[in-house]
Amino acid sequence: MIDSRLALMQLSDSFFPSGSFTLSHGLEAMVQTNQIHNPQDIETFLHLLLHNKVGSSDLIALIHAHRASTNNDLKEVRRADAYLYAQMLIQTTREAQQRSGQALLLVARTTWNDPQLEVFQEDVDVNKTPGLHPIVFAIVGRAVHLSERDTSFAFLHNFVTGIVSAAIRLGILGHLGAQSILCKMATEIDVIVSQSMSLSLDDMWSCTPAIDIAQMSHHRLTSKQFST
């Protein structure tokens, strides 16, 4: 078996075509409406998303799905998927997460031979489960023999890198500033993962109203680099 550390690097690399790098999570709209101007604003944006949304909902569902996947309990995987779907009140967000989840599932099924990935694809195809990106990421992490902690680190690193990359493309960050932010976020990621591992699906919550409004208004932008 190939060392799981190599799979960890592959899965968390921006080169991996998971579909998540087409999302700005409301950043593009906030930049165009002059709500975000500089690297400090990007740090605040990331902090809010990590602590009040991704870490408190997406990651909890991912960890639960990883445990269920490890036990080959696809019913529980689907339950985590349903819980997370219910947390996503914005239609464009739900649709974007489903698209990126499907993109990740396609790449994973092509790259790694794992029966559970095939069964989950069948469930998505018949609308038995929404197939959101964090849930698919959990199954893929288990499929490549990553622990739930390493899968969580890979997921959050991928998320933060995606936001920082979007900020560079939007002209708010330079490459040196981006690396500085990634270094700062590492400590927060460690804390968030440790906290989320002890929480249940019933503990999920999110509260980022300004970012939610930005995501809802994204479709009205006259020019767009990102899908949301």
Protein backbone atom coordinates (compact mmCIF):
# COMPACT_ATOMS: atom_id res chain seq x y z
CA MET A 1 0.00 0.00 0.00
CA ILE A 2 1.27 3.48 -0.89
CA ASP A 3 2.15 5.65 2.10
CA SER A 4 -0.99 7.56 3.08
CA ARG A 5 1.09 10.72 3.49
CA LEU A 6 1.46 10.85 -0.29
CA ALA A 7 -2.32 10.59 -0.66
CA LEU A 8 -2.68 13.38 1.90
CA MET A 9 -0.43 15.65 -0.16
CA GLN A 10 -2.24 14.74 -3.38
CA LEU A 11 -5.70 15.36 -1.94
CA SER A 12 -4.84 18.70 -0.31
CA ASP A 13 -2.89 20.04 -3.29
CA SER A 14 -4.51 22.83 -5.32
CA PHE A 15 -3.47 20.84 -8.41
CA PHE A 16 -6.06 18.18 -7.45
CA PRO A 17 -9.17 18.93 -9.57
CA SER A 18 -11.82 18.72 -6.85
CA GLY A 19 -13.97 21.54 -8.19
CA SER A 20 -13.64 23.58 -5.00
CA PHE A 21 -11.30 26.11 -6.62
CA THR A 22 -14.15 27.45 -8.73
CA LEU A 23 -15.74 28.87 -5.56
CA SER A 24 -14.98 32.14 -3.78
CA HIS A 25 -17.61 31.61 -1.05
CA GLY A 26 -18.88 35.17 -1.41
CA LEU A 27 -15.43 36.77 -1.58
CA GLU A 28 -15.80 37.93 -5.18
CA ALA A 29 -19.07 39.72 -4.41
CA MET A 30 -17.61 41.35 -1.30
CA VAL A 31 -14.57 42.57 -3.25
CA GLN A 32 -16.72 44.02 -6.03
CA THR A 33 -18.97 45.81 -3.51
CA ASN A 34 -15.94 47.27 -1.70
CA GLN A 35 -16.50 45.35 1.53
CA ILE A 36 -13.07 43.71 1.29
CA HIS A 37 -10.02 45.81 0.39
CA ASN A 38 -6.81 44.35 1.81
CA PRO A 39 -5.05 41.30 3.31
CA GLN A 40 -6.38 42.08 6.79
CA ASP A 41 -9.92 41.88 5.43
CA ILE A 42 -9.10 38.49 3.89
CA GLU A 43 -7.90 37.23 7.28
CA THR A 44 -11.15 38.37 8.89
CA PHE A 45 -13.17 36.76 6.10
CA LEU A 46 -11.34 33.47 6.56
CA HIS A 47 -11.63 33.60 10.35
CA LEU A 48 -15.39 34.07 10.16
CA LEU A 49 -15.88 31.28 7.65
CA LEU A 50 -13.63 28.85 9.50
CA HIS A 51 -15.12 29.43 12.94
CA ASN A 52 -18.74 30.27 12.14
CA LYS A 53 -19.51 28.07 9.16
CA VAL A 54 -17.01 25.58 7.75
CA GLY A 55 -15.61 24.45 11.10
CA SER A 56 -18.99 24.46 12.84
CA SER A 57 -20.96 22.65 10.13
CA ASP A 58 -19.05 21.28 7.10
CA LEU A 59 -16.23 19.82 9.16
CA ILE A 60 -18.51 18.21 11.74
CA ALA A 61 -20.46 16.51 8.95
CA LEU A 62 -17.20 15.44 7.29
CA ILE A 63 -15.87 13.86 10.48
CA HIS A 64 -19.14 12.01 11.09
CA ALA A 65 -19.18 10.81 7.47
CA HIS A 66 -15.56 9.62 7.73
CA ARG A 67 -16.37 7.56 10.82
CA ALA A 68 -19.44 6.10 9.13
CA SER A 69 -17.47 5.37 5.97
CA THR A 70 -14.80 3.61 8.04
CA ASN A 71 -17.56 1.39 9.46
CA ASN A 72 -18.98 0.88 5.94
CA ASP A 73 -22.22 2.44 7.16
CA LEU A 74 -23.50 4.34 4.14
CA LYS A 75 -26.81 5.01 5.86
CA GLU A 76 -24.94 7.18 8.38
CA VAL A 77 -22.93 8.78 5.58
CA ARG A 78 -26.20 9.77 3.91
CA ARG A 79 -27.52 11.09 7.24
CA ALA A 80 -24.49 13.37 7.56
CA ASP A 81 -25.08 14.49 3.98
CA ALA A 82 -28.73 15.28 4.76
CA TYR A 83 -27.86 17.19 7.95
CA LEU A 84 -25.32 19.32 6.12
CA TYR A 85 -27.72 19.95 3.23
CA ALA A 86 -30.30 21.20 5.74
CA GLN A 87 -27.72 23.65 7.12
CA MET A 88 -27.20 25.20 3.68
CA LEU A 89 -30.06 27.68 3.40
CA ILE A 90 -28.74 29.38 0.26
CA GLN A 91 -29.72 27.58 -2.94
CA THR A 92 -26.63 28.63 -4.88
CA THR A 93 -24.41 27.33 -2.07
CA ARG A 94 -26.16 23.96 -2.03
CA GLU A 95 -25.89 23.67 -5.79
CA ALA A 96 -22.22 24.68 -5.80
CA GLN A 97 -21.41 22.14 -3.09
CA GLN A 98 -23.21 19.44 -5.04
CA ARG A 99 -21.33 20.30 -8.23
CA SER A 100 -17.94 20.29 -6.51
CA GLY A 101 -18.87 17.08 -4.68
CA GLN A 102 -19.72 15.43 -8.00
CA ALA A 103 -16.47 16.69 -9.52
CA LEU A 104 -14.48 15.28 -6.61
CA LEU A 105 -16.33 11.98 -6.77
CA LEU A 106 -15.61 11.66 -10.49
CA VAL A 107 -11.88 12.28 -10.00
CA ALA A 108 -11.71 9.94 -7.01
CA ARG A 109 -13.49 7.09 -8.80
CA THR A 110 -11.12 7.50 -11.73
CA THR A 111 -8.03 7.65 -9.51
CA TRP A 112 -8.71 5.10 -6.75
CA ASN A 113 -10.48 1.76 -6.85
CA ASP A 114 -12.91 1.74 -3.93
CA PRO A 115 -16.34 0.03 -3.93
CA GLN A 116 -17.87 2.56 -1.54
CA LEU A 117 -17.17 5.38 -3.98
CA GLU A 118 -19.13 3.50 -6.64
CA VAL A 119 -22.08 2.85 -4.33
CA PHE A 120 -22.16 6.47 -3.22
CA GLN A 121 -22.18 7.58 -6.87
CA GLU A 122 -25.21 5.35 -7.45
CA ASP A 123 -26.94 6.94 -4.45
CA VAL A 124 -26.27 10.41 -5.85
CA ASP A 125 -27.47 9.41 -9.31
CA VAL A 126 -30.88 8.35 -7.99
CA ASN A 127 -31.16 11.38 -5.67
CA LYS A 128 -30.89 9.24 -2.57
CA THR A 129 -28.37 11.70 -1.16
CA PRO A 130 -27.21 15.16 -2.27
CA GLY A 131 -23.50 14.27 -2.46
CA LEU A 132 -22.10 17.46 -0.94
CA HIS A 133 -18.39 18.16 -1.28
CA PRO A 134 -17.41 17.70 2.43
CA ILE A 135 -19.16 14.31 2.55
CA VAL A 136 -17.49 13.08 -0.62
CA PHE A 137 -14.16 14.38 0.72
CA ALA A 138 -14.68 12.25 3.84
CA ILE A 139 -15.28 9.06 1.84
CA VAL A 140 -12.27 9.78 -0.36
CA GLY A 141 -10.10 10.40 2.71
CA ARG A 142 -11.11 7.03 4.13
CA ALA A 143 -10.61 5.37 0.73
CA VAL A 144 -6.98 6.52 0.60
CA HIS A 145 -6.41 5.41 4.22
CA LEU A 146 -6.27 8.82 5.85
CA SER A 147 -7.32 9.18 9.47
CA GLU A 148 -10.27 11.44 10.23
CA ARG A 149 -7.84 14.03 11.61
CA ASP A 150 -5.65 14.01 8.49
CA THR A 151 -8.73 14.12 6.27
CA SER A 152 -9.97 17.12 8.26
CA PHE A 153 -6.61 18.87 7.90
CA ALA A 154 -6.59 18.21 4.16
CA PHE A 155 -10.15 19.51 3.79
CA LEU A 156 -9.54 22.75 5.71
CA HIS A 157 -6.17 23.33 4.05
CA ASN A 158 -7.85 22.88 0.68
CA PHE A 159 -10.58 25.33 1.69
CA VAL A 160 -8.19 28.02 2.97
CA THR A 161 -5.92 27.63 -0.04
CA GLY A 162 -8.93 28.05 -2.31
CA ILE A 163 -9.92 31.33 -0.64
CA VAL A 164 -6.36 32.65 -0.69
CA SER A 165 -6.01 31.68 -4.35
CA ALA A 166 -9.27 33.50 -5.12
CA ALA A 167 -7.98 36.59 -3.32
CA ILE A 168 -4.83 36.54 -5.48
CA ARG A 169 -6.88 36.26 -8.66
CA LEU A 170 -9.10 39.12 -7.48
CA GLY A 171 -6.06 41.32 -6.91
CA ILE A 172 -6.41 41.64 -3.12
CA LEU A 173 -3.38 39.53 -2.19
CA GLY A 174 0.11 38.94 -3.49
CA HIS A 175 1.84 35.58 -3.29
CA LEU A 176 4.01 36.54 -0.31
CA GLY A 177 1.02 37.83 1.63
CA ALA A 178 -0.87 34.66 0.77
CA GLN A 179 1.81 32.47 2.32
CA SER A 180 1.77 34.60 5.46
CA ILE A 181 -1.99 34.11 5.81
CA LEU A 182 -1.71 30.36 5.23
CA CYS A 183 0.86 30.17 8.02
CA LYS A 184 -1.40 32.11 10.40
CA MET A 185 -4.43 29.98 9.56
CA ALA A 186 -2.54 26.75 10.35
CA THR A 187 -2.87 27.33 14.09
CA GLU A 188 -6.58 28.05 13.77
CA ILE A 189 -7.10 24.94 11.65
CA ASP A 190 -5.48 22.80 14.34
CA VAL A 191 -7.79 24.24 17.01
CA ILE A 192 -10.92 23.89 14.88
CA VAL A 193 -10.19 20.25 14.01
CA SER A 194 -9.61 19.37 17.68
CA GLN A 195 -12.88 21.03 18.69
CA SER A 196 -14.96 19.49 15.91
CA MET A 197 -13.85 15.92 16.58
CA SER A 198 -15.83 15.88 19.84
CA LEU A 199 -19.06 17.27 18.37
CA SER A 200 -22.11 15.51 16.93
CA LEU A 201 -24.33 16.29 13.96
CA ASP A 202 -26.80 17.91 16.35
CA ASP A 203 -24.09 20.41 17.34
CA MET A 204 -23.81 21.83 13.83
CA TRP A 205 -24.49 25.54 13.37
CA SER A 206 -23.52 28.48 11.19
CA CYS A 207 -23.81 32.27 11.41
CA THR A 208 -22.20 34.42 8.72
CA PRO A 209 -25.01 36.75 7.60
CA ALA A 210 -22.90 39.29 5.67
CA ILE A 211 -21.10 36.52 3.77
CA ASP A 212 -24.40 34.74 3.14
CA ILE A 213 -25.84 37.91 1.59
CA ALA A 214 -22.74 38.24 -0.58
CA GLN A 215 -23.15 34.67 -1.79
CA MET A 216 -26.81 35.29 -2.61
CA SER A 217 -25.94 38.43 -4.59
CA HIS A 218 -23.14 36.78 -6.55
CA HIS A 219 -25.36 35.97 -9.53
CA ARG A 220 -26.06 39.69 -10.01
CA LEU A 221 -22.41 40.61 -10.57
CA THR A 222 -21.76 41.99 -14.04
CA SER A 223 -18.50 40.04 -14.37
CA LYS A 224 -17.56 36.84 -12.55
CA GLN A 225 -14.44 34.68 -12.22
CA PHE A 226 -16.07 32.22 -9.80
CA SER A 227 -19.33 30.27 -9.70
CA THR A 228 -20.26 31.64 -6.26
